[in-house]
């Protein structure tokens, strides 16, 4: 019984932390959400898990180097859409523009 309670508490804790983290990321992304959707539509037609083998990954078509520059871990196309958007906002704030998307960033 005690073991079951401990496991349930651990599962609940991980679920809560993940939810809080997602809320925090959403607060960062929210002001830029419409812009990011337009960029992702232009780049990948909103295919967030795309990997076409051309060196660009995910809905926002990150290169691995750019993804890692803004703290991304793993492969961009395996990250959630929210994580991809969050990393794009970090990149925007780092660069001060949407220059990493020279065509789609103008939309």
Protein backbone atom coordinates (compact mmCIF):
# COMPACT_ATOMS: atom_id res chain seq x y z
CA UNK A 1 0.00 0.00 0.00
CA UNK A 2 2.75 2.44 0.96
CA UNK A 3 4.66 1.62 -2.23
CA UNK A 4 1.55 2.29 -4.36
CA UNK A 5 1.09 5.69 -2.70
CA UNK A 6 4.76 6.57 -3.30
CA UNK A 7 4.54 5.61 -6.98
CA UNK A 8 1.29 7.56 -7.42
CA UNK A 9 2.84 10.61 -5.73
CA UNK A 10 5.88 10.42 -8.01
CA UNK A 11 3.71 10.15 -11.13
CA UNK A 12 1.61 13.11 -9.95
CA UNK A 13 4.74 15.17 -9.24
CA UNK A 14 6.15 14.57 -12.73
CA UNK A 15 2.79 15.41 -14.29
CA UNK A 16 2.56 18.64 -12.28
CA UNK A 17 6.11 19.74 -13.08
CA UNK A 18 5.55 19.08 -16.78
CA UNK A 19 2.34 21.08 -16.72
CA UNK A 20 3.94 24.02 -14.92
CA UNK A 21 6.82 23.97 -17.39
CA UNK A 22 4.39 23.96 -20.31
CA UNK A 23 2.48 26.89 -18.79
CA UNK A 24 5.71 28.85 -18.38
CA UNK A 25 6.72 28.15 -21.97
CA UNK A 26 3.27 29.10 -23.23
CA UNK A 27 3.53 32.47 -21.45
CA UNK A 28 6.77 33.13 -23.36
CA UNK A 29 5.33 31.94 -26.69
CA UNK A 30 1.86 33.48 -26.45
CA UNK A 31 2.70 37.01 -27.70
CA UNK A 32 4.46 35.52 -30.74
CA UNK A 33 2.12 32.59 -31.39
CA UNK A 34 0.39 33.94 -34.51
CA UNK A 35 3.72 34.90 -36.08
CA UNK A 36 5.20 31.47 -35.31
CA UNK A 37 2.21 29.71 -36.85
CA UNK A 38 2.64 31.79 -40.03
CA UNK A 39 6.35 30.93 -40.15
CA UNK A 40 5.69 27.22 -39.56
CA UNK A 41 2.98 27.19 -42.22
CA UNK A 42 5.39 28.75 -44.69
CA UNK A 43 8.32 26.50 -43.73
CA UNK A 44 6.63 23.13 -43.33
CA UNK A 45 2.85 23.47 -43.71
CA UNK A 46 2.69 22.92 -39.93
CA UNK A 47 4.34 19.49 -40.09
CA UNK A 48 5.97 19.76 -36.68
CA UNK A 49 7.68 16.35 -36.85
CA UNK A 50 9.11 16.67 -40.35
CA UNK A 51 12.62 15.48 -41.17
CA UNK A 52 13.15 15.49 -44.92
CA UNK A 53 16.90 14.87 -44.73
CA UNK A 54 17.88 18.36 -45.91
CA UNK A 55 19.48 19.47 -42.62
CA UNK A 56 16.39 21.33 -41.39
CA UNK A 57 14.07 19.83 -38.79
CA UNK A 58 10.60 20.36 -37.39
CA UNK A 59 7.81 22.76 -38.13
CA UNK A 60 10.09 25.78 -37.95
CA UNK A 61 12.92 24.08 -39.86
CA UNK A 62 15.73 24.48 -37.34
CA UNK A 63 19.29 23.45 -38.12
CA UNK A 64 20.88 21.42 -35.33
CA UNK A 65 23.38 24.19 -34.63
CA UNK A 66 20.69 26.82 -34.25
CA UNK A 67 18.55 24.50 -32.14
CA UNK A 68 21.43 23.88 -29.77
CA UNK A 69 22.36 27.59 -29.65
CA UNK A 70 19.03 28.30 -27.96
CA UNK A 71 19.26 25.35 -25.57
CA UNK A 72 17.37 22.75 -27.56
CA UNK A 73 18.15 19.14 -26.74
CA UNK A 74 17.73 16.13 -28.92
CA UNK A 75 16.38 16.59 -32.40
CA UNK A 76 14.07 19.53 -33.19
CA UNK A 77 11.54 17.45 -35.09
CA UNK A 78 11.10 15.17 -32.08
CA UNK A 79 10.28 18.08 -29.77
CA UNK A 80 6.71 19.20 -29.16
CA UNK A 81 5.35 22.10 -31.20
CA UNK A 82 5.35 24.20 -28.02
CA UNK A 83 9.04 23.46 -27.44
CA UNK A 84 9.87 24.35 -31.04
CA UNK A 85 8.00 27.64 -30.71
CA UNK A 86 9.66 28.36 -27.37
CA UNK A 87 13.12 27.86 -28.89
CA UNK A 88 12.16 30.09 -31.84
CA UNK A 89 11.19 32.89 -29.45
CA UNK A 90 14.50 32.49 -27.64
CA UNK A 91 16.24 32.78 -31.02
CA UNK A 92 14.20 35.87 -31.92
CA UNK A 93 15.17 37.50 -28.63
CA UNK A 94 18.82 36.54 -29.12
CA UNK A 95 19.00 37.93 -32.67
CA UNK A 96 16.49 40.77 -32.28
CA UNK A 97 14.78 39.78 -35.52
CA UNK A 98 13.25 36.91 -37.45
CA UNK A 99 16.37 36.81 -39.68
CA UNK A 100 16.81 33.06 -39.25
CA UNK A 101 13.70 32.76 -41.41
CA UNK A 102 14.64 35.19 -44.21
CA UNK A 103 11.61 34.45 -46.37
CA UNK A 104 8.98 33.08 -44.01
CA UNK A 105 9.91 35.48 -41.20
CA UNK A 106 8.63 38.36 -43.34
CA UNK A 107 5.08 36.98 -43.29
